């Protein structure tokens, strides 16, 4: 018995499948980035000064594609914390230069202890 071979996929079909796979991968990477430090107000990145927030945010790169990012906005916000005590955070709004994905990176200003 001879086996029938599946017909070759058209180029357009292959491109669409690759594009859908790329979108799914980017969504999965963004979901993982939300769970990492800086991905949410509950898990801010500790920094010593507000002056290092933008440099740190740019250094993280794009969570979706790994490309370079730029800071569009850097703001100070106050959110309710545990027990209703307000927490002061810094939020850097970054956008990828390659894919255009925007996301917020959260920072908390900490103090450095003397050795």
N, C-alpha and C. Protein backbone atom coordinates (compact mmCIF):
# COMPACT_ATOMS: atom_id res chain seq x y z
N UNK A 1 0.84 -1.18 0.00
CA UNK A 1 0.00 0.00 0.00
C UNK A 1 0.88 1.23 0.00
N UNK A 2 0.48 2.20 -0.74
CA UNK A 2 1.25 3.45 -0.78
C UNK A 2 0.55 4.50 0.08
N UNK A 3 1.37 5.25 0.79
CA UNK A 3 0.82 6.29 1.65
C UNK A 3 0.68 7.57 0.84
N UNK A 4 -0.40 8.26 1.08
CA UNK A 4 -0.60 9.55 0.42
C UNK A 4 0.10 10.62 1.23
N UNK A 5 0.80 11.47 0.54
CA UNK A 5 1.47 12.58 1.21
C UNK A 5 0.51 13.76 1.29
N UNK A 6 0.61 14.46 2.39
CA UNK A 6 -0.22 15.65 2.56
C UNK A 6 0.25 16.71 1.58
N UNK A 7 -0.69 17.44 1.03
CA UNK A 7 -0.28 18.50 0.10
C UNK A 7 0.54 19.56 0.82
N UNK A 8 1.48 20.13 0.12
CA UNK A 8 2.33 21.18 0.70
C UNK A 8 1.48 22.40 1.03
N UNK A 9 1.85 23.02 2.13
CA UNK A 9 1.11 24.22 2.54
C UNK A 9 1.51 25.38 1.66
N UNK A 10 0.55 26.25 1.45
CA UNK A 10 0.85 27.46 0.68
C UNK A 10 1.70 28.38 1.53
N UNK A 11 2.45 29.23 0.88
CA UNK A 11 3.34 30.17 1.58
C UNK A 11 2.55 31.08 2.49
N UNK A 12 1.39 31.52 2.03
CA UNK A 12 0.57 32.41 2.85
C UNK A 12 0.10 31.70 4.12
N UNK A 13 -0.26 30.44 4.01
CA UNK A 13 -0.69 29.66 5.17
C UNK A 13 0.45 29.53 6.17
N UNK A 14 1.65 29.24 5.69
CA UNK A 14 2.81 29.12 6.57
C UNK A 14 3.12 30.45 7.26
N UNK A 15 3.01 31.55 6.53
CA UNK A 15 3.26 32.87 7.13
C UNK A 15 2.24 33.17 8.23
N UNK A 16 0.99 32.86 7.98
CA UNK A 16 -0.06 33.11 8.98
C UNK A 16 0.14 32.25 10.22
N UNK A 17 0.51 30.99 10.02
CA UNK A 17 0.76 30.11 11.16
C UNK A 17 1.95 30.63 11.99
N UNK A 18 2.99 31.07 11.31
CA UNK A 18 4.16 31.61 12.01
C UNK A 18 3.80 32.89 12.76
N UNK A 19 2.96 33.71 12.16
CA UNK A 19 2.55 34.96 12.81
C UNK A 19 1.72 34.66 14.06
N UNK A 20 0.79 33.71 13.98
CA UNK A 20 -0.02 33.34 15.14
C UNK A 20 0.85 32.75 16.25
N UNK A 21 1.82 31.94 15.88
CA UNK A 21 2.73 31.37 16.88
C UNK A 21 3.55 32.46 17.54
N UNK A 22 3.97 33.46 16.77
CA UNK A 22 4.73 34.58 17.33
C UNK A 22 3.91 35.40 18.30
N UNK A 23 2.65 35.61 18.00
CA UNK A 23 1.76 36.36 18.89
C UNK A 23 1.55 35.58 20.18
N UNK A 24 1.34 34.28 20.09
CA UNK A 24 1.17 33.46 21.30
C UNK A 24 2.42 33.49 22.16
N UNK A 25 3.59 33.43 21.54
CA UNK A 25 4.84 33.47 22.29
C UNK A 25 5.01 34.81 22.99
N UNK A 26 4.70 35.91 22.30
CA UNK A 26 4.80 37.24 22.91
C UNK A 26 3.83 37.38 24.09
N UNK A 27 2.62 36.86 23.95
CA UNK A 27 1.64 36.92 25.04
C UNK A 27 2.13 36.11 26.24
N UNK A 28 2.74 34.96 25.99
CA UNK A 28 3.25 34.13 27.09
C UNK A 28 4.41 34.84 27.79
N UNK A 29 5.28 35.49 27.03
CA UNK A 29 6.40 36.22 27.62
C UNK A 29 5.91 37.40 28.46
N UNK A 30 4.88 38.10 27.99
CA UNK A 30 4.32 39.21 28.76
C UNK A 30 3.67 38.72 30.05
N UNK A 31 3.02 37.57 29.99
CA UNK A 31 2.42 36.99 31.21
C UNK A 31 3.50 36.64 32.23
N UNK A 32 4.60 36.09 31.75
CA UNK A 32 5.70 35.76 32.66
C UNK A 32 6.34 37.03 33.23
N UNK A 33 6.48 38.06 32.42
CA UNK A 33 7.07 39.32 32.89
C UNK A 33 6.20 39.95 33.97
N UNK A 34 4.89 39.76 33.89
CA UNK A 34 3.99 40.31 34.91
C UNK A 34 4.20 39.63 36.26
N UNK A 35 4.73 38.41 36.25
CA UNK A 35 4.97 37.68 37.49
C UNK A 35 6.36 37.96 38.08
N UNK A 36 7.24 38.55 37.28
CA UNK A 36 8.60 38.84 37.74
C UNK A 36 8.63 40.15 38.52
N UNK A 37 9.77 40.42 39.14
CA UNK A 37 9.96 41.68 39.87
C UNK A 37 9.76 42.85 38.90
N UNK A 38 8.95 43.82 39.33
CA UNK A 38 8.66 44.99 38.51
C UNK A 38 7.45 44.84 37.62
N UNK A 39 6.91 43.64 37.53
CA UNK A 39 5.78 43.39 36.65
C UNK A 39 4.43 43.82 37.20
N UNK A 40 4.36 44.07 38.51
CA UNK A 40 3.10 44.48 39.11
C UNK A 40 3.39 45.30 40.36
N UNK A 41 2.40 46.05 40.85
CA UNK A 41 2.60 46.84 42.06
C UNK A 41 2.92 45.97 43.28
N UNK A 42 2.49 44.72 43.27
CA UNK A 42 2.76 43.82 44.39
C UNK A 42 4.21 43.35 44.43
N UNK A 43 4.91 43.43 43.29
CA UNK A 43 6.30 42.98 43.21
C UNK A 43 7.19 44.05 42.57
N UNK A 44 7.34 45.20 43.21
CA UNK A 44 8.17 46.25 42.61
C UNK A 44 9.66 45.93 42.72
N UNK A 45 10.42 46.54 41.86
CA UNK A 45 11.88 46.42 41.91
C UNK A 45 12.39 47.44 42.90
N UNK A 46 13.26 47.01 43.82
CA UNK A 46 13.84 47.93 44.81
C UNK A 46 14.97 48.73 44.17
N UNK A 47 14.91 50.04 44.27
CA UNK A 47 16.00 50.90 43.82
C UNK A 47 16.32 51.89 44.93
N UNK A 48 17.52 52.45 44.89
CA UNK A 48 17.95 53.36 45.95
C UNK A 48 17.55 54.80 45.69
N UNK A 49 17.30 55.15 44.42
CA UNK A 49 17.01 56.53 44.09
C UNK A 49 16.11 56.59 42.86
N UNK A 50 15.31 57.65 42.77
CA UNK A 50 14.43 57.83 41.61
C UNK A 50 15.24 58.08 40.34
N UNK A 51 16.48 58.52 40.49
CA UNK A 51 17.29 58.83 39.32
C UNK A 51 17.73 57.58 38.55
N UNK A 52 17.63 56.41 39.15
CA UNK A 52 18.04 55.19 38.46
C UNK A 52 16.86 54.42 37.86
N UNK A 53 15.65 54.89 38.08
CA UNK A 53 14.46 54.18 37.61
C UNK A 53 14.46 54.05 36.09
N UNK A 54 14.66 55.14 35.37
CA UNK A 54 14.58 55.10 33.91
C UNK A 54 15.69 54.24 33.31
N UNK A 55 16.90 54.37 33.83
CA UNK A 55 18.01 53.56 33.31
C UNK A 55 17.75 52.07 33.56
N UNK A 56 17.23 51.76 34.71
CA UNK A 56 16.93 50.36 35.03
C UNK A 56 15.81 49.83 34.13
N UNK A 57 14.78 50.62 33.91
CA UNK A 57 13.64 50.20 33.08
C UNK A 57 14.08 49.94 31.64
N UNK A 58 14.92 50.80 31.10
CA UNK A 58 15.39 50.62 29.73
C UNK A 58 16.28 49.38 29.64
N UNK A 59 17.05 49.13 30.68
CA UNK A 59 17.94 47.98 30.69
C UNK A 59 17.22 46.64 30.70
N UNK A 60 15.96 46.61 31.07
CA UNK A 60 15.21 45.35 31.10
C UNK A 60 14.91 44.83 29.71
N UNK A 61 14.77 45.70 28.73
CA UNK A 61 14.42 45.26 27.38
C UNK A 61 12.94 44.93 27.27
N UNK A 62 12.53 44.63 26.08
CA UNK A 62 11.12 44.32 25.81
C UNK A 62 10.80 42.92 26.31
N UNK A 63 9.72 42.80 27.04
CA UNK A 63 9.30 41.50 27.56
C UNK A 63 8.73 40.61 26.46
N UNK A 64 8.24 41.21 25.39
CA UNK A 64 7.61 40.42 24.33
C UNK A 64 8.61 39.89 23.31
N UNK A 65 9.55 40.76 22.87
CA UNK A 65 10.44 40.36 21.78
C UNK A 65 11.92 40.48 22.12
N UNK A 66 12.24 41.08 23.26
CA UNK A 66 13.65 41.24 23.62
C UNK A 66 14.31 42.46 23.03
N UNK A 67 13.56 43.27 22.30
CA UNK A 67 14.12 44.47 21.68
C UNK A 67 14.40 45.56 22.69
N UNK A 68 14.95 46.66 22.20
CA UNK A 68 15.26 47.79 23.08
C UNK A 68 14.00 48.60 23.35
N UNK A 69 13.94 49.18 24.55
CA UNK A 69 12.78 49.97 24.94
C UNK A 69 13.18 51.40 25.24
N UNK A 70 12.18 52.25 25.28
CA UNK A 70 12.39 53.63 25.70
C UNK A 70 11.31 53.98 26.73
N UNK A 71 11.66 54.86 27.64
CA UNK A 71 10.72 55.26 28.68
C UNK A 71 9.87 56.40 28.13
N UNK A 72 8.57 56.19 28.11
CA UNK A 72 7.64 57.23 27.66
C UNK A 72 7.23 58.13 28.81
N UNK A 73 7.15 57.54 30.01
CA UNK A 73 6.68 58.30 31.17
C UNK A 73 7.23 57.66 32.44
N UNK A 74 7.57 58.51 33.38
CA UNK A 74 8.05 58.05 34.70
C UNK A 74 7.29 58.87 35.73
N UNK A 75 6.43 58.19 36.50
CA UNK A 75 5.58 58.91 37.44
C UNK A 75 5.68 58.30 38.84
N UNK A 76 5.33 59.10 39.81
CA UNK A 76 5.21 58.65 41.20
C UNK A 76 3.74 58.43 41.48
N UNK A 77 3.40 57.27 42.02
CA UNK A 77 2.01 56.95 42.34
C UNK A 77 1.92 56.45 43.77
N UNK A 78 0.73 56.58 44.34
CA UNK A 78 0.46 56.03 45.67
C UNK A 78 -0.69 55.06 45.53
N UNK A 79 -0.47 53.84 45.98
CA UNK A 79 -1.50 52.81 45.90
C UNK A 79 -1.78 52.28 47.29
N UNK A 80 -2.98 51.78 47.54
CA UNK A 80 -3.26 51.20 48.85
C UNK A 80 -2.49 49.90 49.02
N UNK A 81 -1.84 49.79 50.15
CA UNK A 81 -1.06 48.58 50.44
C UNK A 81 -1.79 47.68 51.40
N UNK A 82 -1.06 46.77 51.99
CA UNK A 82 -1.64 45.83 52.95
C UNK A 82 -2.13 46.58 54.18
N UNK A 83 -3.31 46.28 54.62
CA UNK A 83 -3.88 46.92 55.81
C UNK A 83 -4.30 48.36 55.56
N UNK A 84 -4.43 48.74 54.29
CA UNK A 84 -4.88 50.09 53.97
C UNK A 84 -3.81 51.16 54.06
N UNK A 85 -2.57 50.77 54.36
CA UNK A 85 -1.47 51.73 54.44
C UNK A 85 -1.02 52.06 53.02
N UNK A 86 -1.01 53.34 52.64
CA UNK A 86 -0.62 53.70 51.27
C UNK A 86 0.87 53.42 51.03
N UNK A 87 1.16 52.98 49.80
CA UNK A 87 2.55 52.70 49.39
C UNK A 87 2.91 53.62 48.23
N UNK A 88 4.07 54.24 48.32
CA UNK A 88 4.55 55.10 47.24
C UNK A 88 5.40 54.27 46.29
N UNK A 89 5.06 54.31 45.02
CA UNK A 89 5.80 53.58 43.99
C UNK A 89 6.16 54.51 42.85
N UNK A 90 7.10 54.10 42.07
CA UNK A 90 7.44 54.76 40.81
C UNK A 90 7.03 53.82 39.70
N UNK A 91 6.45 54.38 38.64
CA UNK A 91 6.02 53.58 37.51
C UNK A 91 6.69 54.14 36.26
N UNK A 92 7.40 53.27 35.56
CA UNK A 92 8.01 53.64 34.30
C UNK A 92 7.21 53.00 33.18
N UNK A 93 6.65 53.82 32.31
CA UNK A 93 5.89 53.33 31.15
C UNK A 93 6.89 53.19 30.02
N UNK A 94 7.16 51.94 29.60
CA UNK A 94 8.14 51.70 28.55
C UNK A 94 7.46 51.16 27.30
N UNK A 95 8.04 51.47 26.14
CA UNK A 95 7.52 50.99 24.85
C UNK A 95 8.68 50.44 24.04
N UNK A 96 8.46 49.31 23.39
CA UNK A 96 9.48 48.67 22.58
C UNK A 96 9.64 49.40 21.24
N UNK A 97 10.88 49.63 20.86
CA UNK A 97 11.15 50.29 19.59
C UNK A 97 10.90 49.35 18.41
N UNK A 98 10.99 48.04 18.64
CA UNK A 98 10.84 47.07 17.55
C UNK A 98 9.38 46.68 17.34
N UNK A 99 8.71 46.18 18.39
CA UNK A 99 7.36 45.64 18.21
C UNK A 99 6.26 46.59 18.68
N UNK A 100 6.62 47.63 19.44
CA UNK A 100 5.64 48.63 19.86
C UNK A 100 4.85 48.28 21.12
N UNK A 101 5.15 47.16 21.76
CA UNK A 101 4.43 46.76 22.96
C UNK A 101 4.79 47.69 24.11
N UNK A 102 3.77 48.16 24.82
CA UNK A 102 3.97 49.04 25.98
C UNK A 102 3.62 48.27 27.24
N UNK A 103 4.36 48.55 28.31
CA UNK A 103 4.05 47.96 29.60
C UNK A 103 4.56 48.86 30.71
N UNK A 104 4.02 48.65 31.91
CA UNK A 104 4.44 49.41 33.08
C UNK A 104 5.41 48.56 33.89
N UNK A 105 6.47 49.22 34.37
CA UNK A 105 7.44 48.57 35.26
C UNK A 105 7.39 49.32 36.58
N UNK A 106 7.21 48.60 37.68
CA UNK A 106 7.01 49.19 39.00
C UNK A 106 8.29 49.14 39.83
N UNK A 107 8.55 50.25 40.53
CA UNK A 107 9.74 50.39 41.38
C UNK A 107 9.34 50.92 42.74
N UNK A 108 10.12 50.54 43.75
CA UNK A 108 9.93 51.10 45.08
C UNK A 108 11.27 51.64 45.53
N UNK A 109 11.22 52.87 46.01
CA UNK A 109 12.43 53.50 46.52
C UNK A 109 12.73 52.92 47.89
N UNK A 110 13.93 52.41 48.03
CA UNK A 110 14.34 51.82 49.30
C UNK A 110 15.50 52.61 49.87
N UNK A 111 15.92 52.23 51.02
CA UNK A 111 17.06 52.86 51.65
C UNK A 111 18.21 51.89 51.69
N UNK A 112 19.39 52.41 51.60
CA UNK A 112 20.56 51.56 51.73
C UNK A 112 21.06 51.67 53.17
N UNK A 113 21.32 50.55 53.74
CA UNK A 113 21.78 50.53 55.13
C UNK A 113 23.30 50.64 55.18
N UNK A 114 23.78 51.35 56.16
CA UNK A 114 25.23 51.48 56.34
C UNK A 114 25.82 50.15 56.76
N UNK A 115 26.99 49.86 56.26
CA UNK A 115 27.64 48.57 56.58
C UNK A 115 28.28 48.62 57.93
